[in-house]
Protein backbone atom coordinates (compact mmCIF):
# COMPACT_ATOMS: atom_id res chain seq x y z
CA MET A 1 16.82 -4.85 6.28
CA ILE A 2 15.32 -7.57 4.11
CA PRO A 3 13.97 -6.34 1.01
CA LEU A 4 10.11 -6.62 0.73
CA LEU A 5 8.20 -7.00 -2.28
CA PHE A 6 4.46 -7.89 -2.60
CA SER A 7 2.22 -8.34 -5.52
CA ASP A 8 -1.61 -7.54 -5.43
CA PRO A 9 -4.22 -9.09 -7.83
CA VAL A 10 -5.25 -6.95 -10.77
CA GLY A 11 -9.16 -6.05 -10.68
CA ASP A 12 -9.67 -5.93 -7.01
CA ASP A 13 -10.16 -2.13 -6.70
CA HIS A 14 -13.93 -1.92 -5.63
CA GLY A 15 -13.56 -2.23 -1.87
CA LEU A 16 -16.74 -3.72 -0.49
CA GLY A 17 -18.27 -3.67 -3.94
CA TYR A 18 -18.22 -0.08 -4.45
CA ALA A 19 -19.58 1.60 -7.69
CA TYR A 20 -17.23 4.48 -9.05
CA PRO A 21 -18.65 8.07 -9.36
CA ARG A 22 -20.61 8.57 -12.56
CA ALA A 23 -18.78 11.39 -13.90
CA PRO A 24 -16.98 10.46 -17.37
CA LEU A 25 -13.64 11.12 -15.78
CA PHE A 26 -13.81 7.94 -13.82
CA ALA A 27 -15.02 5.68 -16.76
CA GLU A 28 -11.48 4.42 -17.33
CA ALA A 29 -10.77 1.09 -15.06
CA GLY A 30 -7.62 0.49 -13.25
CA PHE A 31 -6.33 3.84 -12.23
CA ALA A 32 -6.68 3.09 -8.55
CA ASP A 33 -5.99 -0.56 -8.81
CA LEU A 34 -2.71 -1.46 -6.64
CA THR A 35 -0.67 -4.23 -8.18
CA GLY A 36 2.46 -3.92 -6.44
CA PHE A 37 4.56 -2.61 -3.48
CA GLU A 38 8.24 -2.57 -2.48
CA ALA A 39 10.37 -1.48 0.16
CA LEU A 40 14.08 -1.45 -0.17
CA ARG A 41 17.36 0.07 0.96
CA SER A 42 19.19 2.87 -0.86
CA GLY A 43 22.40 3.68 1.18
CA GLU A 44 21.14 4.74 4.50
CA LYS A 45 17.58 5.54 3.35
CA LEU A 46 14.42 3.61 2.78
CA VAL A 47 12.88 3.62 -0.96
CA LEU A 48 9.09 2.92 -1.28
CA ARG A 49 7.70 1.91 -4.59
CA VAL A 50 4.07 1.47 -5.67
CA ARG A 51 2.77 0.06 -8.84
CA LEU A 52 -0.62 0.72 -10.24
CA HIS A 53 -2.52 -1.21 -13.00
CA ARG A 54 -2.90 2.00 -15.18
CA TYR A 55 -1.61 5.65 -15.11
CA PRO A 56 -4.22 7.92 -16.91
CA ASN A 57 -3.50 11.55 -16.34
CA PRO A 58 -6.36 13.59 -17.80
CA ASN A 59 -5.54 16.78 -15.54
CA ASN A 60 -1.83 16.63 -16.69
CA ALA A 61 -0.48 16.27 -12.95
CA PRO A 62 3.26 16.59 -12.79
CA HIS A 63 3.99 13.05 -11.33
CA GLY A 64 2.18 11.47 -14.24
CA PHE A 65 -1.06 10.32 -13.08
CA SER A 66 -3.98 12.48 -11.75
CA LEU A 67 -6.98 9.90 -10.60
CA ALA A 68 -5.69 8.20 -7.55
CA THR A 69 -4.37 8.86 -4.22
CA ILE A 70 -1.86 6.49 -2.39
CA GLY A 71 -1.18 6.18 1.30
CA ILE A 72 1.80 4.20 2.78
CA TYR A 73 1.52 4.06 6.57
CA ILE A 74 4.54 2.37 8.29
CA HIS A 75 4.73 1.04 11.74
CA THR A 76 8.38 1.50 12.97
CA GLY A 77 7.83 0.79 16.79
CA PRO A 78 5.71 0.60 19.69
CA GLY A 79 2.34 2.57 19.56
CA GLY A 80 1.64 4.92 16.88
CA GLN A 81 -1.60 6.23 15.53
CA GLU A 82 -4.12 3.39 14.95
CA GLU A 83 -6.43 5.23 12.51
CA LEU A 84 -5.40 5.37 8.83
CA PRO A 85 -6.24 8.96 7.77
CA GLY A 86 -8.04 9.25 4.52
CA ALA A 87 -8.20 5.47 4.02
CA GLY A 88 -10.62 4.93 6.60
CA PHE A 89 -9.15 1.78 8.19
CA LYS A 90 -7.78 0.96 11.60
CA THR A 91 -4.64 -0.78 12.72
CA PRO A 92 -4.45 -3.77 15.00
CA PRO A 93 -4.24 -2.50 18.59
CA GLY A 94 -0.45 -1.51 19.34
CA GLN A 95 0.46 -1.43 15.67
CA GLY A 96 -0.33 2.04 14.82
CA TRP A 97 1.63 4.06 12.29
CA ASN A 98 4.77 6.23 13.09
CA TRP A 99 5.47 7.61 9.52
CA ALA A 100 3.19 7.95 6.59
CA TYR A 101 3.62 8.89 2.99
CA LEU A 102 0.68 10.51 0.97
CA LEU A 103 1.29 10.46 -2.76
CA THR A 104 -0.90 11.94 -5.51
CA GLY A 105 -0.43 13.36 -8.93
CA TRP A 106 0.47 16.82 -7.56
CA LYS A 107 2.30 16.13 -4.04
CA ALA A 108 4.27 13.55 -2.15
CA GLU A 109 4.48 14.21 1.59
CA GLU A 110 5.95 12.61 4.64
CA HIS A 111 3.29 12.86 7.67
CA ARG A 112 3.93 12.12 11.47
CA PRO A 113 1.44 11.59 13.88
CA ASP A 114 2.10 14.81 15.70
CA GLY A 115 1.17 16.89 12.51
CA ARG A 116 4.68 17.40 10.93
CA ILE A 117 4.61 17.29 7.12
CA GLU A 118 7.59 17.49 4.81
CA ASN A 119 7.69 17.46 1.01
CA VAL A 120 9.59 14.32 -0.33
CA SER A 121 10.63 13.42 -3.88
CA VAL A 122 9.06 11.13 -6.20
CA THR A 123 9.80 9.76 -9.82
CA LYS A 124 8.10 7.41 -12.24
CA ASN A 125 10.25 4.65 -13.16
CA GLY A 126 8.57 2.30 -15.66
CA ASP A 127 5.52 1.03 -14.15
CA TRP A 128 6.73 1.95 -10.56
CA LEU A 129 6.11 5.34 -8.68
CA GLU A 130 9.37 5.62 -6.48
CA LEU A 131 9.40 7.62 -3.40
CA ALA A 132 12.48 8.75 -1.64
CA SER A 133 11.75 8.70 2.28
CA ASN A 134 13.52 10.24 5.22
CA LEU A 135 13.26 6.89 6.94
CA SER A 136 16.10 4.77 7.86
CA PRO A 137 15.98 1.28 6.57
CA GLY A 138 14.31 -1.25 8.85
CA ASP A 139 12.08 -4.46 9.15
CA TYR A 140 8.88 -2.56 9.65
CA GLY A 141 5.08 -3.13 9.16
CA TYR A 142 3.38 -1.41 5.83
CA TYR A 143 -0.12 -0.51 5.39
CA VAL A 144 -0.81 0.58 1.77
CA ALA A 145 -4.16 1.77 0.56
CA VAL A 146 -5.27 3.41 -2.81
CA GLY A 147 -8.34 5.68 -3.17
CA LEU A 148 -9.80 7.93 -5.90
CA TYR A 149 -8.09 11.50 -5.71
CA ASP A 150 -10.04 14.50 -4.11
CA PRO A 151 -8.56 17.64 -3.95
CA PHE A 152 -11.20 18.88 -1.24
CA THR A 153 -10.45 16.11 1.58
CA PRO A 154 -7.50 16.67 3.93
CA TRP A 155 -5.86 13.25 2.72
CA HIS A 156 -7.39 13.33 -0.74
CA PHE A 157 -9.45 10.21 -0.51
CA ARG A 158 -12.75 10.51 -2.22
CA PRO A 159 -15.51 9.61 0.25
CA VAL A 160 -18.00 6.81 0.13
CA ARG A 161 -21.70 7.43 0.75
CA PRO A 162 -24.90 5.14 -0.04
CA GLY A 163 -26.18 5.86 -3.44
CA GLY A 164 -23.07 7.58 -4.76
CA GLY A 165 -23.10 10.35 -7.31
CA ALA A 166 -21.29 12.14 -10.00
CA TRP A 167 -18.23 12.65 -7.83
CA THR A 168 -18.74 10.26 -4.94
CA LEU A 169 -18.32 6.45 -4.52
CA ASP A 170 -21.32 4.48 -3.82
CA GLY A 171 -21.03 2.07 -0.91
CA PRO A 172 -22.10 1.48 2.67
CA ALA A 173 -22.27 4.24 5.16
CA GLU A 174 -19.09 4.71 7.06
CA ALA A 175 -17.20 2.45 4.69
CA PRO A 176 -13.49 2.84 4.12
CA ALA A 177 -12.44 5.52 1.37
CA ALA A 178 -9.82 3.34 0.01
CA VAL A 179 -10.83 1.07 -2.90
CA ASP A 180 -7.81 -1.11 -2.86
CA VAL A 181 -5.52 -2.21 0.00
CA LEU A 182 -2.41 -4.59 0.14
CA SER A 183 -3.70 -7.46 2.33
CA GLN A 184 -3.60 -11.13 2.52
CA SER A 185 -7.45 -11.18 3.06
CA GLN A 186 -8.90 -8.06 1.59
CA ASN A 187 -12.51 -9.04 2.10
CA ARG A 188 -11.70 -9.72 5.95
CA ALA A 189 -10.10 -6.12 6.11
CA TYR A 190 -13.07 -4.43 4.53
CA GLN A 191 -15.57 -6.35 6.57
CA SER A 192 -13.69 -5.59 9.90
CA GLY A 193 -12.47 -2.22 9.04
CA VAL A 194 -8.97 -3.45 10.39
CA LEU A 195 -5.99 -3.64 8.03
CA GLN A 196 -3.25 -6.02 8.95
CA PRO A 197 0.36 -4.76 8.28
CA VAL A 198 2.49 -6.65 5.66
CA ARG A 199 5.99 -7.52 6.91
CA ALA A 200 9.20 -8.75 5.31
CA THR A 201 8.91 -11.82 7.44
CA GLN A 202 5.90 -12.88 5.34
CA ASN A 203 8.28 -13.15 2.57
CA ARG A 204 10.68 -15.30 4.18
CA THR A 205 8.58 -18.36 4.73
CA PRO A 206 9.11 -19.91 1.30
CA TRP A 207 12.68 -19.48 1.62
CA ALA A 208 12.66 -21.09 5.06
CA ILE A 209 10.80 -23.96 3.74
CA LEU A 210 13.05 -24.35 0.81
CA SER A 211 16.28 -24.09 3.07
CA ALA A 212 14.67 -27.00 5.42
CA ALA A 213 14.08 -29.20 2.49
CA LEU A 214 17.63 -28.60 1.12
CA GLY A 215 18.96 -29.47 4.49
CA VAL A 216 16.98 -32.63 4.66
CA LEU A 217 18.37 -33.47 1.18
CA PHE A 218 21.81 -33.11 2.06
CA ILE A 219 21.64 -35.39 5.20
CA LEU A 220 20.01 -38.06 2.90
CA LEU A 221 22.61 -37.73 0.36
CA ALA A 222 25.24 -37.94 3.27
CA PHE A 223 23.79 -41.24 4.40
CA ARG A 224 23.25 -42.52 0.75
CA PHE A 225 26.82 -41.65 -0.39
CA PRO A 226 29.10 -41.91 2.68
CA ARG A 227 32.52 -40.66 2.44
CA ARG A 228 35.24 -43.29 1.83
């Protein structure tokens, strides 16, 4: 497995231009702003790490934050479920999720498409939330979405509706509930409703270019300074 690390811009946590609920609880910015995601090996297990811009905890949740919901959906093999529950996006055809992790201030759960749910452990390590999965390491596709915590919806993403309200996001009808996603083109994802997975191979490109450039340099130096 090649370690995967992606950064996400600060301040893009408004989906399709959503307005946050009007209750004073949501006045503090940045609590649902995804800024980083990492997948790495720890022994024979996959560790998932997520970073948010800020971690206000007005409700004293045990995980150290209480206003955001994080969904991590993982494509590990053929098929899978193509609806990203809670987040409100779809995956590309044939690239559905086979494992998912739901993280809030109160719970951390592993979900399978057949309905199986298992609790997993999560710790706050500096600016990162670190989740210990039951999944073996591999080069997978990842969908990461952050929404506003709602205790009354099955996947705890606060819904969106035109006009919004004190406790509801203001946005287009049927729009995704996630306010921020990990994507190379977030605007395209929200406009299409389809979220593309991120993969470790996307991180390999700069290194491939660098390796090719070094190879050319060594060849040129060999001709410039031949062995005597």
